[in-house]
Amino acid sequence: MGSNKSKPRKKHGKPVHAQHIPKVGTPAEREQHGERDAVLDNMGLGGASNTTRTVLGIGLVVVVLGGIFGLLLLTVFR
């Protein structure tokens, strides 16, 4: 801890303005959930259970990481 006579920290770059999450039960929070549900509906996962969403999410991550790893292997063993 510094003393009260120490210089304040310099801020680098643009200031970042954090958006606060709306409180539970407010109209803004309900709207956020509605938008999230609309995105899942557009992707065809509107009625899917949480387990299905989790399995598909993990599968997508595995496919992306496998593609990156495969590209790395192709460039190394060229």
PDB file of N, CA and C in Angstrom:
ATOM      1  N   MET A   1       0.836  -1.183   0.000  1.00  0.00           N
ATOM      2  CA  MET A   1       0.000   0.000   0.000  1.00  0.00           C
ATOM      3  C   MET A   1       0.877   1.242   0.000  1.00  0.00           C
ATOM      4  N   GLY A   2       0.465   2.229  -0.780  1.00  0.00           N
ATOM      5  CA  GLY A   2       1.218   3.468  -0.833  1.00  0.00           C
ATOM      6  C   GLY A   2       0.693   4.467   0.171  1.00  0.00           C
ATOM      7  N   SER A   3       1.467   5.472   0.373  1.00  0.00           N
ATOM      8  CA  SER A   3       1.007   6.522   1.285  1.00  0.00           C
ATOM      9  C   SER A   3       0.066   7.455   0.537  1.00  0.00           C
ATOM     10  N   ASN A   4      -0.548   8.347   1.274  1.00  0.00           N
ATOM     11  CA  ASN A   4      -1.495   9.246   0.626  1.00  0.00           C
ATOM     12  C   ASN A   4      -0.767  10.310  -0.206  1.00  0.00           C
ATOM     13  N   LYS A   5       0.563  10.363  -0.127  1.00  0.00           N
ATOM     14  CA  LYS A   5       1.333  11.322  -0.912  1.00  0.00           C
ATOM     15  C   LYS A   5       1.846  10.710  -2.213  1.00  0.00           C
ATOM     16  N   SER A   6       1.638   9.413  -2.414  1.00  0.00           N
ATOM     17  CA  SER A   6       2.145   8.770  -3.621  1.00  0.00           C
ATOM     18  C   SER A   6       1.320   9.188  -4.837  1.00  0.00           C
ATOM     19  N   LYS A   7       1.945   9.097  -6.009  1.00  0.00           N
ATOM     20  CA  LYS A   7       1.277   9.485  -7.250  1.00  0.00           C
ATOM     21  C   LYS A   7       0.167   8.484  -7.570  1.00  0.00           C
ATOM     22  N   PRO A   8      -0.935   8.932  -8.150  1.00  0.00           N
ATOM     23  CA  PRO A   8      -1.960   7.983  -8.606  1.00  0.00           C
ATOM     24  C   PRO A   8      -1.458   7.224  -9.833  1.00  0.00           C
ATOM     25  N   ARG A   9      -2.009   6.076 -10.084  1.00  0.00           N
ATOM     26  CA  ARG A   9      -1.605   5.266 -11.231  1.00  0.00           C
ATOM     27  C   ARG A   9      -2.013   5.946 -12.528  1.00  0.00           C
ATOM     28  N   LYS A  10      -1.179   5.793 -13.539  1.00  0.00           N
ATOM     29  CA  LYS A  10      -1.499   6.339 -14.851  1.00  0.00           C
ATOM     30  C   LYS A  10      -2.461   5.388 -15.544  1.00  0.00           C
ATOM     31  N   LYS A  11      -3.386   5.956 -16.282  1.00  0.00           N
ATOM     32  CA  LYS A  11      -4.318   5.149 -17.056  1.00  0.00           C
ATOM     33  C   LYS A  11      -3.802   5.081 -18.482  1.00  0.00           C
ATOM     34  N   HIS A  12      -3.682   3.880 -19.010  1.00  0.00           N
ATOM     35  CA  HIS A  12      -3.169   3.671 -20.358  1.00  0.00           C
ATOM     36  C   HIS A  12      -4.323   3.373 -21.293  1.00  0.00           C
ATOM     37  N   GLY A  13      -4.296   3.974 -22.467  1.00  0.00           N
ATOM     38  CA  GLY A  13      -5.299   3.682 -23.484  1.00  0.00           C
ATOM     39  C   GLY A  13      -6.627   4.342 -23.173  1.00  0.00           C
ATOM     40  N   LYS A  14      -7.635   3.853 -23.876  1.00  0.00           N
ATOM     41  CA  LYS A  14      -8.975   4.394 -23.701  1.00  0.00           C
ATOM     42  C   LYS A  14      -9.585   3.896 -22.389  1.00  0.00           C
ATOM     43  N   PRO A  15     -10.382   4.717 -21.736  1.00  0.00           N
ATOM     44  CA  PRO A  15     -11.054   4.221 -20.533  1.00  0.00           C
ATOM     45  C   PRO A  15     -12.133   3.198 -20.910  1.00  0.00           C
ATOM     46  N   VAL A  16     -12.226   2.165 -20.128  1.00  0.00           N
ATOM     47  CA  VAL A  16     -13.207   1.118 -20.383  1.00  0.00           C
ATOM     48  C   VAL A  16     -14.400   1.343 -19.472  1.00  0.00           C
ATOM     49  N   HIS A  17     -15.556   1.461 -20.081  1.00  0.00           N
ATOM     50  CA  HIS A  17     -16.777   1.665 -19.298  1.00  0.00           C
ATOM     51  C   HIS A  17     -17.505   0.329 -19.211  1.00  0.00           C
ATOM     52  N   ALA A  18     -17.514  -0.246 -18.042  1.00  0.00           N
ATOM     53  CA  ALA A  18     -18.136  -1.550 -17.845  1.00  0.00           C
ATOM     54  C   ALA A  18     -19.655  -1.389 -17.800  1.00  0.00           C
ATOM     55  N   GLN A  19     -20.322  -2.328 -18.437  1.00  0.00           N
ATOM     56  CA  GLN A  19     -21.777  -2.335 -18.367  1.00  0.00           C
ATOM     57  C   GLN A  19     -22.187  -3.218 -17.204  1.00  0.00           C
ATOM     58  N   HIS A  20     -23.070  -2.718 -16.396  1.00  0.00           N
ATOM     59  CA  HIS A  20     -23.529  -3.492 -15.262  1.00  0.00           C
ATOM     60  C   HIS A  20     -24.623  -4.452 -15.704  1.00  0.00           C
ATOM     61  N   ILE A  21     -24.658  -5.599 -15.062  1.00  0.00           N
ATOM     62  CA  ILE A  21     -25.690  -6.585 -15.343  1.00  0.00           C
ATOM     63  C   ILE A  21     -26.965  -6.132 -14.638  1.00  0.00           C
ATOM     64  N   PRO A  22     -28.108  -6.205 -15.334  1.00  0.00           N
ATOM     65  CA  PRO A  22     -29.344  -5.755 -14.689  1.00  0.00           C
ATOM     66  C   PRO A  22     -29.738  -6.668 -13.533  1.00  0.00           C
ATOM     67  N   LYS A  23     -30.444  -6.099 -12.579  1.00  0.00           N
ATOM     68  CA  LYS A  23     -30.894  -6.878 -11.419  1.00  0.00           C
ATOM     69  C   LYS A  23     -31.938  -7.904 -11.840  1.00  0.00           C
ATOM     70  N   VAL A  24     -32.008  -8.971 -11.079  1.00  0.00           N
ATOM     71  CA  VAL A  24     -32.922 -10.062 -11.380  1.00  0.00           C
ATOM     72  C   VAL A  24     -34.361  -9.579 -11.271  1.00  0.00           C
ATOM     73  N   GLY A  25     -35.174  -9.953 -12.267  1.00  0.00           N
ATOM     74  CA  GLY A  25     -36.588  -9.640 -12.240  1.00  0.00           C
ATOM     75  C   GLY A  25     -36.947  -8.312 -12.869  1.00  0.00           C
ATOM     76  N   THR A  26     -35.968  -7.529 -13.277  1.00  0.00           N
ATOM     77  CA  THR A  26     -36.261  -6.250 -13.912  1.00  0.00           C
ATOM     78  C   THR A  26     -36.608  -6.480 -15.379  1.00  0.00           C
ATOM     79  N   PRO A  27     -37.293  -5.533 -15.988  1.00  0.00           N
ATOM     80  CA  PRO A  27     -37.607  -5.686 -17.410  1.00  0.00           C
ATOM     81  C   PRO A  27     -36.360  -5.836 -18.290  1.00  0.00           C
ATOM     82  N   ALA A  28     -35.274  -5.157 -17.940  1.00  0.00           N
ATOM     83  CA  ALA A  28     -34.045  -5.260 -18.731  1.00  0.00           C
ATOM     84  C   ALA A  28     -33.483  -6.677 -18.658  1.00  0.00           C
ATOM     85  N   GLU A  29     -33.562  -7.302 -17.501  1.00  0.00           N
ATOM     86  CA  GLU A  29     -33.052  -8.660 -17.343  1.00  0.00           C
ATOM     87  C   GLU A  29     -33.915  -9.646 -18.124  1.00  0.00           C
ATOM     88  N   ARG A  30     -35.226  -9.441 -18.098  1.00  0.00           N
ATOM     89  CA  ARG A  30     -36.125 -10.313 -18.869  1.00  0.00           C
ATOM     90  C   ARG A  30     -35.883 -10.150 -20.364  1.00  0.00           C
ATOM     91  N   GLU A  31     -35.575  -8.928 -20.791  1.00  0.00           N
ATOM     92  CA  GLU A  31     -35.290  -8.680 -22.204  1.00  0.00           C
ATOM     93  C   GLU A  31     -33.994  -9.386 -22.627  1.00  0.00           C
ATOM     94  N   GLN A  32     -32.993  -9.376 -21.754  1.00  0.00           N
ATOM     95  CA  GLN A  32     -31.746 -10.074 -22.051  1.00  0.00           C
ATOM     96  C   GLN A  32     -31.979 -11.568 -22.247  1.00  0.00           C
ATOM     97  N   HIS A  33     -32.770 -12.159 -21.378  1.00  0.00           N
ATOM     98  CA  HIS A  33     -33.078 -13.582 -21.504  1.00  0.00           C
ATOM     99  C   HIS A  33     -33.851 -13.840 -22.790  1.00  0.00           C
ATOM    100  N   GLY A  34     -34.764 -12.939 -23.126  1.00  0.00           N
ATOM    101  CA  GLY A  34     -35.526 -13.088 -24.360  1.00  0.00           C
ATOM    102  C   GLY A  34     -34.636 -13.042 -25.588  1.00  0.00           C
ATOM    103  N   GLU A  35     -33.663 -12.134 -25.597  1.00  0.00           N
ATOM    104  CA  GLU A  35     -32.739 -12.038 -26.725  1.00  0.00           C
ATOM    105  C   GLU A  35     -31.876 -13.297 -26.828  1.00  0.00           C
ATOM    106  N   ARG A  36     -31.431 -13.805 -25.693  1.00  0.00           N
ATOM    107  CA  ARG A  36     -30.618 -15.025 -25.689  1.00  0.00           C
ATOM    108  C   ARG A  36     -31.434 -16.199 -26.227  1.00  0.00           C
ATOM    109  N   ASP A  37     -32.691 -16.296 -25.806  1.00  0.00           N
ATOM    110  CA  ASP A  37     -33.554 -17.366 -26.297  1.00  0.00           C
ATOM    111  C   ASP A  37     -33.817 -17.231 -27.793  1.00  0.00           C
ATOM    112  N   ALA A  38     -33.955 -15.998 -28.282  1.00  0.00           N
ATOM    113  CA  ALA A  38     -34.185 -15.770 -29.707  1.00  0.00           C
ATOM    114  C   ALA A  38     -32.979 -16.215 -30.528  1.00  0.00           C
ATOM    115  N   VAL A  39     -31.783 -15.965 -30.033  1.00  0.00           N
ATOM    116  CA  VAL A  39     -30.578 -16.404 -30.736  1.00  0.00           C
ATOM    117  C   VAL A  39     -30.542 -17.930 -30.794  1.00  0.00           C
ATOM    118  N   LEU A  40     -30.861 -18.586 -29.686  1.00  0.00           N
ATOM    119  CA  LEU A  40     -30.865 -20.056 -29.676  1.00  0.00           C
ATOM    120  C   LEU A  40     -31.947 -20.604 -30.601  1.00  0.00           C
ATOM    121  N   ASP A  41     -33.090 -19.921 -30.687  1.00  0.00           N
ATOM    122  CA  ASP A  41     -34.138 -20.351 -31.610  1.00  0.00           C
ATOM    123  C   ASP A  41     -33.642 -20.264 -33.052  1.00  0.00           C
ATOM    124  N   ASN A  42     -32.944 -19.193 -33.388  1.00  0.00           N
ATOM    125  CA  ASN A  42     -32.430 -19.033 -34.753  1.00  0.00           C
ATOM    126  C   ASN A  42     -31.402 -20.102 -35.096  1.00  0.00           C
ATOM    127  N   MET A  43     -30.671 -20.569 -34.101  1.00  0.00           N
ATOM    128  CA  MET A  43     -29.674 -21.612 -34.335  1.00  0.00           C
ATOM    129  C   MET A  43     -30.301 -23.005 -34.287  1.00  0.00           C
ATOM    130  N   GLY A  44     -31.586 -23.095 -33.996  1.00  0.00           N
ATOM    131  CA  GLY A  44     -32.251 -24.390 -33.953  1.00  0.00           C
ATOM    132  C   GLY A  44     -32.142 -25.085 -32.617  1.00  0.00           C
ATOM    133  N   LEU A  45     -31.728 -24.373 -31.575  1.00  0.00           N
ATOM    134  CA  LEU A  45     -31.578 -24.987 -30.256  1.00  0.00           C
ATOM    135  C   LEU A  45     -32.582 -24.434 -29.249  1.00  0.00           C
ATOM    136  N   GLY A  46     -33.670 -23.866 -29.726  1.00  0.00           N
ATOM    137  CA  GLY A  46     -34.623 -23.221 -28.833  1.00  0.00           C
ATOM    138  C   GLY A  46     -35.227 -24.167 -27.810  1.00  0.00           C
ATOM    139  N   GLY A  47     -35.597 -25.374 -28.232  1.00  0.00           N
ATOM    140  CA  GLY A  47     -36.236 -26.317 -27.318  1.00  0.00           C
ATOM    141  C   GLY A  47     -35.276 -27.336 -26.736  1.00  0.00           C
ATOM    142  N   ALA A  48     -33.994 -27.170 -26.977  1.00  0.00           N
ATOM    143  CA  ALA A  48     -33.012 -28.149 -26.514  1.00  0.00           C
ATOM    144  C   ALA A  48     -32.772 -28.005 -25.014  1.00  0.00           C
ATOM    145  N   SER A  49     -32.471 -29.128 -24.377  1.00  0.00           N
ATOM    146  CA  SER A  49     -32.188 -29.104 -22.944  1.00  0.00           C
ATOM    147  C   SER A  49     -30.782 -28.565 -22.701  1.00  0.00           C
ATOM    148  N   ASN A  50     -30.484 -28.250 -21.452  1.00  0.00           N
ATOM    149  CA  ASN A  50     -29.151 -27.754 -21.105  1.00  0.00           C
ATOM    150  C   ASN A  50     -28.079 -28.798 -21.387  1.00  0.00           C
ATOM    151  N   THR A  51     -28.425 -30.071 -21.193  1.00  0.00           N
ATOM    152  CA  THR A  51     -27.466 -31.144 -21.465  1.00  0.00           C
ATOM    153  C   THR A  51     -27.117 -31.186 -22.946  1.00  0.00           C
ATOM    154  N   THR A  52     -28.119 -31.062 -23.804  1.00  0.00           N
ATOM    155  CA  THR A  52     -27.888 -31.061 -25.247  1.00  0.00           C
ATOM    156  C   THR A  52     -27.021 -29.880 -25.650  1.00  0.00           C
ATOM    157  N   ARG A  53     -27.325 -28.709 -25.103  1.00  0.00           N
ATOM    158  CA  ARG A  53     -26.535 -27.514 -25.421  1.00  0.00           C
ATOM    159  C   ARG A  53     -25.085 -27.676 -24.974  1.00  0.00           C
ATOM    160  N   THR A  54     -24.896 -28.273 -23.794  1.00  0.00           N
ATOM    161  CA  THR A  54     -23.541 -28.472 -23.271  1.00  0.00           C
ATOM    162  C   THR A  54     -22.764 -29.447 -24.141  1.00  0.00           C
ATOM    163  N   VAL A  55     -23.398 -30.555 -24.509  1.00  0.00           N
ATOM    164  CA  VAL A  55     -22.732 -31.560 -25.344  1.00  0.00           C
ATOM    165  C   VAL A  55     -22.379 -30.964 -26.701  1.00  0.00           C
ATOM    166  N   LEU A  56     -23.288 -30.215 -27.314  1.00  0.00           N
ATOM    167  CA  LEU A  56     -23.007 -29.596 -28.608  1.00  0.00           C
ATOM    168  C   LEU A  56     -21.913 -28.539 -28.481  1.00  0.00           C
ATOM    169  N   GLY A  57     -21.912 -27.793 -27.391  1.00  0.00           N
ATOM    170  CA  GLY A  57     -20.867 -26.789 -27.175  1.00  0.00           C
ATOM    171  C   GLY A  57     -19.503 -27.425 -27.024  1.00  0.00           C
ATOM    172  N   ILE A  58     -19.424 -28.506 -26.255  1.00  0.00           N
ATOM    173  CA  ILE A  58     -18.156 -29.215 -26.082  1.00  0.00           C
ATOM    174  C   ILE A  58     -17.710 -29.817 -27.415  1.00  0.00           C
ATOM    175  N   GLY A  59     -18.655 -30.375 -28.153  1.00  0.00           N
ATOM    176  CA  GLY A  59     -18.321 -30.939 -29.468  1.00  0.00           C
ATOM    177  C   GLY A  59     -17.784 -29.879 -30.412  1.00  0.00           C
ATOM    178  N   LEU A  60     -18.376 -28.704 -30.405  1.00  0.00           N
ATOM    179  CA  LEU A  60     -17.910 -27.607 -31.255  1.00  0.00           C
ATOM    180  C   LEU A  60     -16.496 -27.183 -30.872  1.00  0.00           C
ATOM    181  N   VAL A  61     -16.228 -27.096 -29.574  1.00  0.00           N
ATOM    182  CA  VAL A  61     -14.890 -26.731 -29.108  1.00  0.00           C
ATOM    183  C   VAL A  61     -13.870 -27.785 -29.540  1.00  0.00           C
ATOM    184  N   VAL A  62     -14.231 -29.060 -29.437  1.00  0.00           N
ATOM    185  CA  VAL A  62     -13.321 -30.140 -29.831  1.00  0.00           C
ATOM    186  C   VAL A  62     -13.023 -30.060 -31.332  1.00  0.00           C
ATOM    187  N   VAL A  63     -14.043 -29.796 -32.138  1.00  0.00           N
ATOM    188  CA  VAL A  63     -13.848 -29.699 -33.588  1.00  0.00           C
ATOM    189  C   VAL A  63     -12.937 -28.519 -33.931  1.00  0.00           C
ATOM    190  N   VAL A  64     -13.157 -27.372 -33.308  1.00  0.00           N
ATOM    191  CA  VAL A  64     -12.332 -26.192 -33.583  1.00  0.00           C
ATOM    192  C   VAL A  64     -10.891 -26.435 -33.152  1.00  0.00           C
ATOM    193  N   LEU A  65     -10.696 -26.971 -31.953  1.00  0.00           N
ATOM    194  CA  LEU A  65      -9.336 -27.258 -31.493  1.00  0.00           C
ATOM    195  C   LEU A  65      -8.665 -28.316 -32.362  1.00  0.00           C
ATOM    196  N   GLY A  66      -9.413 -29.302 -32.810  1.00  0.00           N
ATOM    197  CA  GLY A  66      -8.862 -30.317 -33.715  1.00  0.00           C
ATOM    198  C   GLY A  66      -8.433 -29.707 -35.036  1.00  0.00           C
ATOM    199  N   GLY A  67      -9.216 -28.760 -35.556  1.00  0.00           N
ATOM    200  CA  GLY A  67      -8.846 -28.082 -36.791  1.00  0.00           C
ATOM    201  C   GLY A  67      -7.586 -27.263 -36.627  1.00  0.00           C
ATOM    202  N   ILE A  68      -7.481 -26.550 -35.523  1.00  0.00           N
ATOM    203  CA  ILE A  68      -6.275 -25.752 -35.262  1.00  0.00           C
ATOM    204  C   ILE A  68      -5.063 -26.666 -35.121  1.00  0.00           C
ATOM    205  N   PHE A  69      -5.209 -27.748 -34.370  1.00  0.00           N
ATOM    206  CA  PHE A  69      -4.113 -28.693 -34.175  1.00  0.00           C
ATOM    207  C   PHE A  69      -3.711 -29.334 -35.497  1.00  0.00           C
ATOM    208  N   GLY A  70      -4.702 -29.676 -36.319  1.00  0.00           N
ATOM    209  CA  GLY A  70      -4.420 -30.264 -37.625  1.00  0.00           C
ATOM    210  C   GLY A  70      -3.657 -29.305 -38.529  1.00  0.00           C
ATOM    211  N   LEU A  71      -4.059 -28.045 -38.540  1.00  0.00           N
ATOM    212  CA  LEU A  71      -3.337 -27.046 -39.339  1.00  0.00           C
ATOM    213  C   LEU A  71      -1.909 -26.871 -38.855  1.00  0.00           C
ATOM    214  N   LEU A  72      -1.726 -26.896 -37.552  1.00  0.00           N
ATOM    215  CA  LEU A  72      -0.361 -26.789 -37.006  1.00  0.00           C
ATOM    216  C   LEU A  72       0.482 -27.982 -37.436  1.00  0.00           C
ATOM    217  N   LEU A  73      -0.093 -29.168 -37.390  1.00  0.00           N
ATOM    218  CA  LEU A  73       0.643 -30.359 -37.811  1.00  0.00           C
ATOM    219  C   LEU A  73       1.002 -30.300 -39.298  1.00  0.00           C
ATOM    220  N   LEU A  74       0.081 -29.791 -40.102  1.00  0.00           N
ATOM    221  CA  LEU A  74       0.358 -29.690 -41.539  1.00  0.00           C
ATOM    222  C   LEU A  74       1.487 -28.705 -41.827  1.00  0.00           C
ATOM    223  N   THR A  75       1.557 -27.629 -41.075  1.00  0.00           N
ATOM    224  CA  THR A  75       2.615 -26.661 -41.317  1.00  0.00           C
ATOM    225  C   THR A  75       3.954 -27.144 -40.756  1.00  0.00           C
ATOM    226  N   VAL A  76       3.945 -27.897 -39.685  1.00  0.00           N
ATOM    227  CA  VAL A  76       5.195 -28.383 -39.098  1.00  0.00           C
ATOM    228  C   VAL A  76       5.793 -29.504 -39.954  1.00  0.00           C
ATOM    229  N   PHE A  77       4.991 -30.434 -40.403  1.00  0.00           N
ATOM    230  CA  PHE A  77       5.471 -31.592 -41.165  1.00  0.00           C
ATOM    231  C   PHE A  77       5.320 -31.397 -42.667  1.00  0.00           C
ATOM    232  N   ARG A  78       5.518 -30.235 -43.138  1.00  0.00           N
ATOM    233  CA  ARG A  78       5.363 -29.910 -44.546  1.00  0.00           C
ATOM    234  C   ARG A  78       6.484 -30.376 -45.373  1.00  0.00           C
TER     235      ARG A  78
END
